[in-house]
Amino acid sequence: MLFAFWALLSGKFDAFHLTLGGICSIIAGYLFHDLLFVNVRVGDIRTVAFRFIRYVPWLLKQIFLANLHVASLVLNPKMPIDPRIVTFKTKLETDISNVTLGNSITLTPGTITMDIKDGVFYVHALSQKVADDLNAGEMEDRVAHIFMEADHLYVQDVLDAARIYERLRV
C-alpha cells in the first residue's frame, strides 16, 4: 500500500525508480509496522491485509453511489441540500481503525470528518440521507471487522473459526 501511494505521488514508472521505491517501502514498512499495528500479532497482519483488500471494493462502490446522490442533489433545480453536523460515538478501539473510518467517511462524497475526540466523530453531512447512512453504522462495522475489534463479530469470523477447528480435528 505504501509502495502504491509512493508510485502514485512520484509519477516515475521506470524500472529503476519502481525498484528503489519498492525497496524503500519494504524497509519503511518493516521498521514502522509496530506503530500502525500495535496489538496485532504477525499472523494477524495477513488477516488484516486480506480484510482490507476485501474492504476496498465495497468502499469504492459506496463512493460511486455517494457520487450519484451528490450529483442528483446538485442537478435538482430545487437544490434539496440540507447540511448538518452529525456526531456519533464509535465502538472502535484503536487509532488506526478510527483513522481508517474517518478517512473512509471523508472519501465518500457528501461527508467530511471534521474531528474525532475521545471516540466521538464529528462529521459534516450534505443531506439527511447521507446522515442516515452514517448513523446506520455499516462502515464502522466493516472497519471494525478489518482490524478484528472485539465489539464487532461477523458471521464470517465464526465460520472461519469453525473451519480452523475442523482442520485441527483431522
N, C-alpha and C. Protein backbone atom coordinates (compact mmCIF):
# COMPACT_ATOMS: atom_id res chain seq x y z
N MET A 1 0.83 -1.17 0.00
CA MET A 1 0.00 0.00 0.00
C MET A 1 0.89 1.26 0.00
N LEU A 2 1.91 1.23 0.82
CA LEU A 2 2.85 2.35 0.85
C LEU A 2 3.52 2.53 -0.50
N PHE A 3 3.86 1.41 -1.13
CA PHE A 3 4.50 1.45 -2.44
C PHE A 3 3.56 2.06 -3.49
N ALA A 4 2.30 1.65 -3.47
CA ALA A 4 1.33 2.19 -4.43
C ALA A 4 1.16 3.70 -4.23
N PHE A 5 1.11 4.12 -2.99
CA PHE A 5 0.99 5.55 -2.69
C PHE A 5 2.22 6.30 -3.18
N TRP A 6 3.39 5.74 -2.92
CA TRP A 6 4.64 6.36 -3.38
C TRP A 6 4.66 6.47 -4.90
N ALA A 7 4.31 5.37 -5.58
CA ALA A 7 4.35 5.36 -7.05
C ALA A 7 3.37 6.39 -7.62
N LEU A 8 2.21 6.50 -7.01
CA LEU A 8 1.22 7.46 -7.47
C LEU A 8 1.73 8.89 -7.33
N LEU A 9 2.36 9.19 -6.21
CA LEU A 9 2.85 10.55 -5.98
C LEU A 9 4.10 10.87 -6.79
N SER A 10 4.97 9.87 -6.99
CA SER A 10 6.22 10.15 -7.70
C SER A 10 5.99 10.34 -9.20
N GLY A 11 5.11 9.55 -9.77
CA GLY A 11 4.84 9.65 -11.19
C GLY A 11 5.95 9.07 -12.07
N LYS A 12 6.90 8.39 -11.46
CA LYS A 12 8.01 7.79 -12.22
C LYS A 12 7.79 6.28 -12.24
N PHE A 13 7.65 5.73 -13.43
CA PHE A 13 7.31 4.32 -13.55
C PHE A 13 8.36 3.51 -14.31
N ASP A 14 9.60 3.99 -14.32
CA ASP A 14 10.66 3.20 -14.95
C ASP A 14 11.18 2.18 -13.93
N ALA A 15 11.91 1.18 -14.42
CA ALA A 15 12.37 0.07 -13.58
C ALA A 15 13.21 0.54 -12.40
N PHE A 16 14.10 1.48 -12.62
CA PHE A 16 14.98 1.95 -11.54
C PHE A 16 14.17 2.56 -10.39
N HIS A 17 13.27 3.47 -10.72
CA HIS A 17 12.51 4.15 -9.68
C HIS A 17 11.52 3.21 -8.99
N LEU A 18 10.90 2.32 -9.74
CA LEU A 18 9.98 1.35 -9.13
C LEU A 18 10.72 0.41 -8.19
N THR A 19 11.90 -0.05 -8.59
CA THR A 19 12.70 -0.93 -7.73
C THR A 19 13.13 -0.20 -6.47
N LEU A 20 13.65 1.00 -6.63
CA LEU A 20 14.08 1.79 -5.48
C LEU A 20 12.91 2.10 -4.55
N GLY A 21 11.77 2.46 -5.12
CA GLY A 21 10.58 2.73 -4.31
C GLY A 21 10.09 1.50 -3.58
N GLY A 22 10.15 0.34 -4.25
CA GLY A 22 9.75 -0.91 -3.60
C GLY A 22 10.65 -1.25 -2.43
N ILE A 23 11.96 -1.11 -2.63
CA ILE A 23 12.91 -1.41 -1.55
C ILE A 23 12.70 -0.46 -0.37
N CYS A 24 12.56 0.82 -0.65
CA CYS A 24 12.34 1.80 0.43
C CYS A 24 11.01 1.54 1.16
N SER A 25 9.98 1.15 0.42
CA SER A 25 8.69 0.86 1.05
C SER A 25 8.77 -0.35 1.95
N ILE A 26 9.48 -1.38 1.51
CA ILE A 26 9.65 -2.58 2.34
C ILE A 26 10.41 -2.24 3.61
N ILE A 27 11.48 -1.48 3.48
CA ILE A 27 12.27 -1.10 4.66
C ILE A 27 11.43 -0.25 5.62
N ALA A 28 10.71 0.74 5.09
CA ALA A 28 9.88 1.59 5.94
C ALA A 28 8.77 0.78 6.61
N GLY A 29 8.15 -0.12 5.86
CA GLY A 29 7.11 -0.97 6.43
C GLY A 29 7.64 -1.86 7.53
N TYR A 30 8.82 -2.42 7.33
CA TYR A 30 9.43 -3.29 8.34
C TYR A 30 9.79 -2.50 9.60
N LEU A 31 10.37 -1.32 9.42
CA LEU A 31 10.81 -0.52 10.57
C LEU A 31 9.65 0.06 11.38
N PHE A 32 8.55 0.39 10.72
CA PHE A 32 7.49 1.12 11.40
C PHE A 32 6.17 0.37 11.49
N HIS A 33 6.16 -0.93 11.20
CA HIS A 33 4.89 -1.67 11.25
C HIS A 33 4.28 -1.70 12.64
N ASP A 34 5.11 -1.67 13.68
CA ASP A 34 4.57 -1.72 15.03
C ASP A 34 3.86 -0.42 15.42
N LEU A 35 4.11 0.66 14.73
CA LEU A 35 3.39 1.91 15.01
C LEU A 35 1.96 1.85 14.49
N LEU A 36 1.75 1.13 13.40
CA LEU A 36 0.40 1.01 12.84
C LEU A 36 -0.39 -0.10 13.50
N PHE A 37 0.25 -1.21 13.75
CA PHE A 37 -0.44 -2.38 14.28
C PHE A 37 0.13 -2.70 15.66
N VAL A 38 -0.27 -1.93 16.65
CA VAL A 38 0.31 -2.02 17.98
C VAL A 38 0.04 -3.36 18.64
N ASN A 39 -1.20 -3.81 18.64
CA ASN A 39 -1.57 -5.03 19.34
C ASN A 39 -1.90 -6.18 18.40
N VAL A 40 -1.32 -6.19 17.23
CA VAL A 40 -1.62 -7.21 16.24
C VAL A 40 -0.45 -8.16 16.13
N ARG A 41 -0.74 -9.46 16.26
CA ARG A 41 0.31 -10.46 16.10
C ARG A 41 0.69 -10.58 14.63
N VAL A 42 1.86 -11.15 14.36
CA VAL A 42 2.37 -11.23 12.98
C VAL A 42 1.39 -11.98 12.08
N GLY A 43 0.82 -13.08 12.54
CA GLY A 43 -0.14 -13.84 11.74
C GLY A 43 -1.40 -13.05 11.44
N ASP A 44 -1.77 -12.16 12.38
CA ASP A 44 -2.97 -11.36 12.19
C ASP A 44 -2.79 -10.27 11.15
N ILE A 45 -1.55 -9.86 10.89
CA ILE A 45 -1.31 -8.82 9.90
C ILE A 45 -1.77 -9.29 8.53
N ARG A 46 -1.57 -10.57 8.24
CA ARG A 46 -2.05 -11.11 6.96
C ARG A 46 -3.58 -11.06 6.90
N THR A 47 -4.22 -11.38 8.01
CA THR A 47 -5.68 -11.32 8.06
C THR A 47 -6.17 -9.89 7.87
N VAL A 48 -5.52 -8.95 8.55
CA VAL A 48 -5.90 -7.53 8.40
C VAL A 48 -5.71 -7.09 6.96
N ALA A 49 -4.59 -7.45 6.35
CA ALA A 49 -4.33 -7.07 4.96
C ALA A 49 -5.38 -7.66 4.02
N PHE A 50 -5.72 -8.94 4.22
CA PHE A 50 -6.72 -9.59 3.37
C PHE A 50 -8.08 -8.91 3.54
N ARG A 51 -8.46 -8.63 4.78
CA ARG A 51 -9.75 -7.99 5.03
C ARG A 51 -9.79 -6.58 4.46
N PHE A 52 -8.66 -5.87 4.53
CA PHE A 52 -8.60 -4.52 3.97
C PHE A 52 -8.77 -4.56 2.46
N ILE A 53 -8.13 -5.53 1.83
CA ILE A 53 -8.26 -5.68 0.37
C ILE A 53 -9.71 -5.97 0.00
N ARG A 54 -10.41 -6.75 0.82
CA ARG A 54 -11.83 -7.02 0.57
C ARG A 54 -12.70 -5.79 0.85
N TYR A 55 -12.25 -4.90 1.72
CA TYR A 55 -13.00 -3.70 2.08
C TYR A 55 -12.96 -2.65 0.96
N VAL A 56 -11.85 -2.56 0.26
CA VAL A 56 -11.66 -1.51 -0.74
C VAL A 56 -12.74 -1.53 -1.84
N PRO A 57 -13.09 -2.69 -2.43
CA PRO A 57 -14.16 -2.66 -3.45
C PRO A 57 -15.50 -2.18 -2.88
N TRP A 58 -15.81 -2.58 -1.65
CA TRP A 58 -17.05 -2.11 -1.03
C TRP A 58 -17.01 -0.59 -0.88
N LEU A 59 -15.88 -0.06 -0.42
CA LEU A 59 -15.74 1.39 -0.25
C LEU A 59 -15.85 2.11 -1.59
N LEU A 60 -15.24 1.56 -2.63
CA LEU A 60 -15.34 2.17 -3.96
C LEU A 60 -16.79 2.21 -4.44
N LYS A 61 -17.54 1.16 -4.15
CA LYS A 61 -18.96 1.13 -4.51
C LYS A 61 -19.71 2.24 -3.76
N GLN A 62 -19.41 2.40 -2.47
CA GLN A 62 -20.07 3.44 -1.68
C GLN A 62 -19.72 4.84 -2.20
N ILE A 63 -18.47 5.02 -2.61
CA ILE A 63 -18.05 6.30 -3.18
C ILE A 63 -18.82 6.58 -4.47
N PHE A 64 -18.97 5.56 -5.31
CA PHE A 64 -19.72 5.71 -6.56
C PHE A 64 -21.18 6.08 -6.28
N LEU A 65 -21.82 5.35 -5.35
CA LEU A 65 -23.22 5.63 -5.03
C LEU A 65 -23.38 7.03 -4.43
N ALA A 66 -22.43 7.43 -3.59
CA ALA A 66 -22.49 8.77 -3.00
C ALA A 66 -22.30 9.84 -4.07
N ASN A 67 -21.45 9.57 -5.06
CA ASN A 67 -21.29 10.50 -6.18
C ASN A 67 -22.61 10.70 -6.90
N LEU A 68 -23.32 9.61 -7.14
CA LEU A 68 -24.63 9.72 -7.80
C LEU A 68 -25.60 10.55 -6.97
N HIS A 69 -25.60 10.32 -5.66
CA HIS A 69 -26.51 11.06 -4.78
C HIS A 69 -26.18 12.56 -4.78
N VAL A 70 -24.90 12.89 -4.65
CA VAL A 70 -24.50 14.30 -4.64
C VAL A 70 -24.82 14.95 -5.99
N ALA A 71 -24.59 14.22 -7.07
CA ALA A 71 -24.93 14.76 -8.40
C ALA A 71 -26.42 15.03 -8.51
N SER A 72 -27.25 14.12 -7.98
CA SER A 72 -28.70 14.33 -8.03
C SER A 72 -29.11 15.54 -7.19
N LEU A 73 -28.43 15.77 -6.07
CA LEU A 73 -28.73 16.94 -5.24
C LEU A 73 -28.38 18.23 -5.98
N VAL A 74 -27.22 18.23 -6.60
CA VAL A 74 -26.74 19.44 -7.27
C VAL A 74 -27.53 19.74 -8.54
N LEU A 75 -27.89 18.70 -9.28
CA LEU A 75 -28.60 18.90 -10.55
C LEU A 75 -30.10 19.16 -10.36
N ASN A 76 -30.63 18.88 -9.19
CA ASN A 76 -32.03 19.14 -8.91
C ASN A 76 -32.26 20.65 -8.87
N PRO A 77 -33.26 21.16 -9.61
CA PRO A 77 -33.49 22.61 -9.64
C PRO A 77 -33.80 23.20 -8.26
N LYS A 78 -34.37 22.40 -7.36
CA LYS A 78 -34.72 22.89 -6.02
C LYS A 78 -33.53 22.84 -5.06
N MET A 79 -32.43 22.19 -5.47
CA MET A 79 -31.23 22.05 -4.63
C MET A 79 -31.58 21.61 -3.20
N PRO A 80 -32.07 20.38 -3.04
CA PRO A 80 -32.51 19.93 -1.71
C PRO A 80 -31.34 19.59 -0.78
N ILE A 81 -30.39 20.50 -0.68
CA ILE A 81 -29.25 20.28 0.20
C ILE A 81 -29.66 20.72 1.60
N ASP A 82 -29.39 19.84 2.56
CA ASP A 82 -29.75 20.10 3.95
C ASP A 82 -28.54 19.80 4.83
N PRO A 83 -27.53 20.69 4.82
CA PRO A 83 -26.30 20.40 5.55
C PRO A 83 -26.52 20.31 7.06
N ARG A 84 -25.73 19.45 7.67
CA ARG A 84 -25.85 19.24 9.11
C ARG A 84 -24.55 18.65 9.65
N ILE A 85 -24.36 18.79 10.94
CA ILE A 85 -23.23 18.16 11.63
C ILE A 85 -23.78 16.94 12.35
N VAL A 86 -23.20 15.79 12.05
CA VAL A 86 -23.60 14.53 12.67
C VAL A 86 -22.52 14.14 13.68
N THR A 87 -22.94 13.78 14.87
CA THR A 87 -21.99 13.26 15.86
C THR A 87 -22.41 11.84 16.22
N PHE A 88 -21.42 10.99 16.36
CA PHE A 88 -21.71 9.63 16.82
C PHE A 88 -20.51 9.08 17.56
N LYS A 89 -20.79 8.27 18.56
CA LYS A 89 -19.73 7.63 19.35
C LYS A 89 -19.42 6.30 18.69
N THR A 90 -18.15 6.08 18.46
CA THR A 90 -17.74 4.84 17.82
C THR A 90 -17.36 3.79 18.86
N LYS A 91 -17.46 2.55 18.45
CA LYS A 91 -17.04 1.44 19.31
C LYS A 91 -15.62 1.00 18.97
N LEU A 92 -15.02 1.65 18.00
CA LEU A 92 -13.68 1.26 17.57
C LEU A 92 -12.68 1.55 18.68
N GLU A 93 -11.67 0.67 18.80
CA GLU A 93 -10.77 0.73 19.94
C GLU A 93 -9.40 1.30 19.63
N THR A 94 -8.93 1.18 18.40
CA THR A 94 -7.56 1.57 18.08
C THR A 94 -7.53 2.83 17.22
N ASP A 95 -6.39 3.50 17.28
CA ASP A 95 -6.22 4.72 16.48
C ASP A 95 -6.30 4.42 14.98
N ILE A 96 -5.68 3.32 14.56
CA ILE A 96 -5.67 3.00 13.12
C ILE A 96 -7.08 2.73 12.60
N SER A 97 -7.92 2.10 13.41
CA SER A 97 -9.29 1.85 12.96
C SER A 97 -10.09 3.15 12.93
N ASN A 98 -9.86 4.05 13.89
CA ASN A 98 -10.52 5.36 13.87
C ASN A 98 -10.09 6.18 12.66
N VAL A 99 -8.80 6.16 12.36
CA VAL A 99 -8.29 6.90 11.19
C VAL A 99 -8.86 6.32 9.90
N THR A 100 -8.92 4.99 9.82
CA THR A 100 -9.47 4.35 8.63
C THR A 100 -10.94 4.73 8.44
N LEU A 101 -11.71 4.72 9.52
CA LEU A 101 -13.11 5.11 9.43
C LEU A 101 -13.24 6.58 9.03
N GLY A 102 -12.46 7.44 9.67
CA GLY A 102 -12.51 8.87 9.34
C GLY A 102 -12.15 9.15 7.89
N ASN A 103 -11.11 8.49 7.40
CA ASN A 103 -10.72 8.68 6.00
C ASN A 103 -11.76 8.11 5.05
N SER A 104 -12.35 6.98 5.41
CA SER A 104 -13.39 6.39 4.56
C SER A 104 -14.60 7.32 4.46
N ILE A 105 -14.97 7.93 5.59
CA ILE A 105 -16.09 8.86 5.59
C ILE A 105 -15.76 10.07 4.71
N THR A 106 -14.56 10.60 4.85
CA THR A 106 -14.17 11.79 4.09
C THR A 106 -14.05 11.49 2.59
N LEU A 107 -13.62 10.28 2.24
CA LEU A 107 -13.52 9.90 0.83
C LEU A 107 -14.89 9.80 0.17
N THR A 108 -15.93 9.55 0.96
CA THR A 108 -17.27 9.40 0.43
C THR A 108 -17.86 10.79 0.18
N PRO A 109 -18.22 11.12 -1.05
CA PRO A 109 -18.76 12.45 -1.36
C PRO A 109 -20.00 12.77 -0.52
N GLY A 110 -20.07 14.02 -0.08
CA GLY A 110 -21.19 14.46 0.74
C GLY A 110 -20.90 14.42 2.22
N THR A 111 -19.72 13.93 2.61
CA THR A 111 -19.35 13.87 4.02
C THR A 111 -17.90 14.30 4.21
N ILE A 112 -17.65 14.92 5.34
CA ILE A 112 -16.28 15.29 5.73
C ILE A 112 -16.15 15.03 7.22
N THR A 113 -15.16 14.26 7.61
CA THR A 113 -14.88 14.07 9.03
C THR A 113 -14.17 15.32 9.51
N MET A 114 -14.81 16.05 10.41
CA MET A 114 -14.25 17.30 10.90
C MET A 114 -13.32 17.08 12.09
N ASP A 115 -13.69 16.16 12.98
CA ASP A 115 -12.89 15.94 14.18
C ASP A 115 -13.24 14.59 14.78
N ILE A 116 -12.29 14.05 15.53
CA ILE A 116 -12.50 12.84 16.32
C ILE A 116 -11.93 13.13 17.69
N LYS A 117 -12.78 13.11 18.72
CA LYS A 117 -12.33 13.34 20.09
C LYS A 117 -12.91 12.28 21.00
N ASP A 118 -12.04 11.56 21.69
CA ASP A 118 -12.46 10.54 22.66
C ASP A 118 -13.48 9.57 22.07
N GLY A 119 -13.26 9.15 20.84
CA GLY A 119 -14.14 8.18 20.20
C GLY A 119 -15.43 8.76 19.65
N VAL A 120 -15.57 10.07 19.67
CA VAL A 120 -16.76 10.73 19.11
C VAL A 120 -16.36 11.38 17.79
N PHE A 121 -17.08 11.02 16.73
CA PHE A 121 -16.83 11.57 15.40
C PHE A 121 -17.76 12.76 15.17
N TYR A 122 -17.20 13.82 14.60
CA TYR A 122 -17.97 14.98 14.17
C TYR A 122 -17.85 15.05 12.66
N VAL A 123 -18.98 14.84 11.98
CA VAL A 123 -18.98 14.72 10.53
C VAL A 123 -19.96 15.72 9.93
N HIS A 124 -19.51 16.44 8.90
CA HIS A 124 -20.41 17.32 8.15
C HIS A 124 -21.05 16.48 7.06
N ALA A 125 -22.39 16.46 7.05
CA ALA A 125 -23.14 15.70 6.04
C ALA A 125 -23.93 16.68 5.18
N LEU A 126 -23.99 16.40 3.91
CA LEU A 126 -24.63 17.29 2.94
C LEU A 126 -26.15 17.20 2.95
N SER A 127 -26.69 16.05 3.37
CA SER A 127 -28.14 15.88 3.35
C SER A 127 -28.57 14.90 4.45
N GLN A 128 -29.87 14.80 4.65
CA GLN A 128 -30.41 13.88 5.66
C GLN A 128 -30.11 12.43 5.28
N LYS A 129 -30.19 12.08 4.00
CA LYS A 129 -29.90 10.71 3.57
C LYS A 129 -28.47 10.33 3.92
N VAL A 130 -27.54 11.23 3.69
CA VAL A 130 -26.13 10.96 4.00
C VAL A 130 -25.96 10.77 5.50
N ALA A 131 -26.63 11.61 6.29
CA ALA A 131 -26.56 11.50 7.75
C ALA A 131 -27.14 10.17 8.22
N ASP A 132 -28.26 9.75 7.63
CA ASP A 132 -28.87 8.47 7.99
C ASP A 132 -27.95 7.30 7.65
N ASP A 133 -27.29 7.39 6.50
CA ASP A 133 -26.35 6.33 6.11
C ASP A 133 -25.21 6.22 7.11
N LEU A 134 -24.74 7.35 7.61
CA LEU A 134 -23.67 7.34 8.61
C LEU A 134 -24.14 6.69 9.90
N ASN A 135 -25.34 7.05 10.33
CA ASN A 135 -25.87 6.53 11.59
C ASN A 135 -26.21 5.05 11.52
N ALA A 136 -26.34 4.51 10.31
CA ALA A 136 -26.61 3.08 10.17
C ALA A 136 -25.45 2.24 10.70
N GLY A 137 -24.23 2.75 10.60
CA GLY A 137 -23.07 2.10 11.19
C GLY A 137 -22.44 0.99 10.37
N GLU A 138 -22.85 0.81 9.13
CA GLU A 138 -22.29 -0.28 8.33
C GLU A 138 -20.80 -0.07 8.07
N MET A 139 -20.41 1.16 7.77
CA MET A 139 -18.99 1.43 7.51
C MET A 139 -18.16 1.16 8.76
N GLU A 140 -18.67 1.57 9.91
CA GLU A 140 -17.97 1.33 11.18
C GLU A 140 -17.81 -0.17 11.43
N ASP A 141 -18.86 -0.93 11.19
CA ASP A 141 -18.79 -2.38 11.37
C ASP A 141 -17.77 -3.01 10.44
N ARG A 142 -17.72 -2.55 9.22
CA ARG A 142 -16.76 -3.12 8.27
C ARG A 142 -15.32 -2.77 8.64
N VAL A 143 -15.09 -1.55 9.12
CA VAL A 143 -13.75 -1.18 9.56
C VAL A 143 -13.37 -1.98 10.80
N ALA A 144 -14.31 -2.17 11.71
CA ALA A 144 -14.04 -2.99 12.90
C ALA A 144 -13.69 -4.42 12.51
N HIS A 145 -14.35 -4.92 11.49
CA HIS A 145 -14.06 -6.28 11.01
C HIS A 145 -12.64 -6.38 10.47
N ILE A 146 -12.19 -5.35 9.78
CA ILE A 146 -10.82 -5.36 9.24
C ILE A 146 -9.81 -5.54 10.36
N PHE A 147 -9.97 -4.76 11.43
CA PHE A 147 -8.98 -4.73 12.49
C PHE A 147 -9.32 -5.64 13.67
N MET A 148 -10.29 -6.54 13.48
CA MET A 148 -10.66 -7.54 14.47
C MET A 148 -10.98 -6.92 15.82
N GLU A 149 -11.81 -5.90 15.82
CA GLU A 149 -12.22 -5.23 17.05
C GLU A 149 -13.19 -6.13 17.80
N ALA A 150 -13.09 -6.14 19.12
CA ALA A 150 -13.81 -7.09 19.96
C ALA A 150 -15.33 -6.91 19.94
N ASP A 151 -15.82 -5.68 19.86
CA ASP A 151 -17.26 -5.46 19.96
C ASP A 151 -18.02 -5.84 18.70
N HIS A 152 -17.30 -6.09 17.63
CA HIS A 152 -17.95 -6.37 16.35
C HIS A 152 -17.60 -7.79 15.93
N LEU A 153 -18.61 -8.63 15.82
CA LEU A 153 -18.38 -10.01 15.42
C LEU A 153 -19.21 -10.29 14.17
N TYR A 154 -18.57 -10.76 13.15
CA TYR A 154 -19.25 -11.09 11.92
C TYR A 154 -19.48 -12.60 11.87
N VAL A 155 -20.49 -12.99 11.14
CA VAL A 155 -20.74 -14.41 10.94
C VAL A 155 -19.54 -15.06 10.28
N GLN A 156 -18.87 -14.33 9.40
CA GLN A 156 -17.69 -14.88 8.72
C GLN A 156 -16.61 -15.26 9.72
N ASP A 157 -16.46 -14.50 10.81
CA ASP A 157 -15.48 -14.84 11.84
C ASP A 157 -15.80 -16.19 12.46
N VAL A 158 -17.08 -16.43 12.72
CA VAL A 158 -17.49 -17.70 13.32
C VAL A 158 -17.26 -18.84 12.34
N LEU A 159 -17.58 -18.61 11.07
CA LEU A 159 -17.35 -19.65 10.06
C LEU A 159 -15.87 -19.94 9.90
N ASP A 160 -15.03 -18.90 9.92
CA ASP A 160 -13.58 -19.11 9.83
C ASP A 160 -13.08 -19.93 11.00
N ALA A 161 -13.56 -19.62 12.20
CA ALA A 161 -13.15 -20.36 13.39
C ALA A 161 -13.60 -21.81 13.30
N ALA A 162 -14.80 -22.05 12.78
CA ALA A 162 -15.30 -23.42 12.64
C ALA A 162 -14.45 -24.21 11.64
N ARG A 163 -14.05 -23.59 10.54
CA ARG A 163 -13.20 -24.27 9.56
C ARG A 163 -11.83 -24.61 10.15
N ILE A 164 -11.27 -23.69 10.90
CA ILE A 164 -9.96 -23.94 11.53
C ILE A 164 -10.08 -25.08 12.52
N TYR A 165 -11.13 -25.08 13.33
CA TYR A 165 -11.34 -26.14 14.32
C TYR A 165 -11.49 -27.48 13.62
N GLU A 166 -12.24 -27.50 12.52
CA GLU A 166 -12.46 -28.75 11.77
C GLU A 166 -11.14 -29.28 11.22
N ARG A 167 -10.28 -28.41 10.72
CA ARG A 167 -8.98 -28.85 10.19
C ARG A 167 -8.08 -29.39 11.30
N LEU A 168 -8.17 -28.80 12.48
CA LEU A 168 -7.34 -29.25 13.59
C LEU A 168 -7.77 -30.63 14.10
N ARG A 169 -9.05 -30.94 13.99
CA ARG A 169 -9.56 -32.22 14.48
C ARG A 169 -9.09 -33.38 13.60
N VAL A 170 -8.84 -33.12 12.33
CA VAL A 170 -8.48 -34.19 11.40
C VAL A 170 -7.08 -34.67 11.62
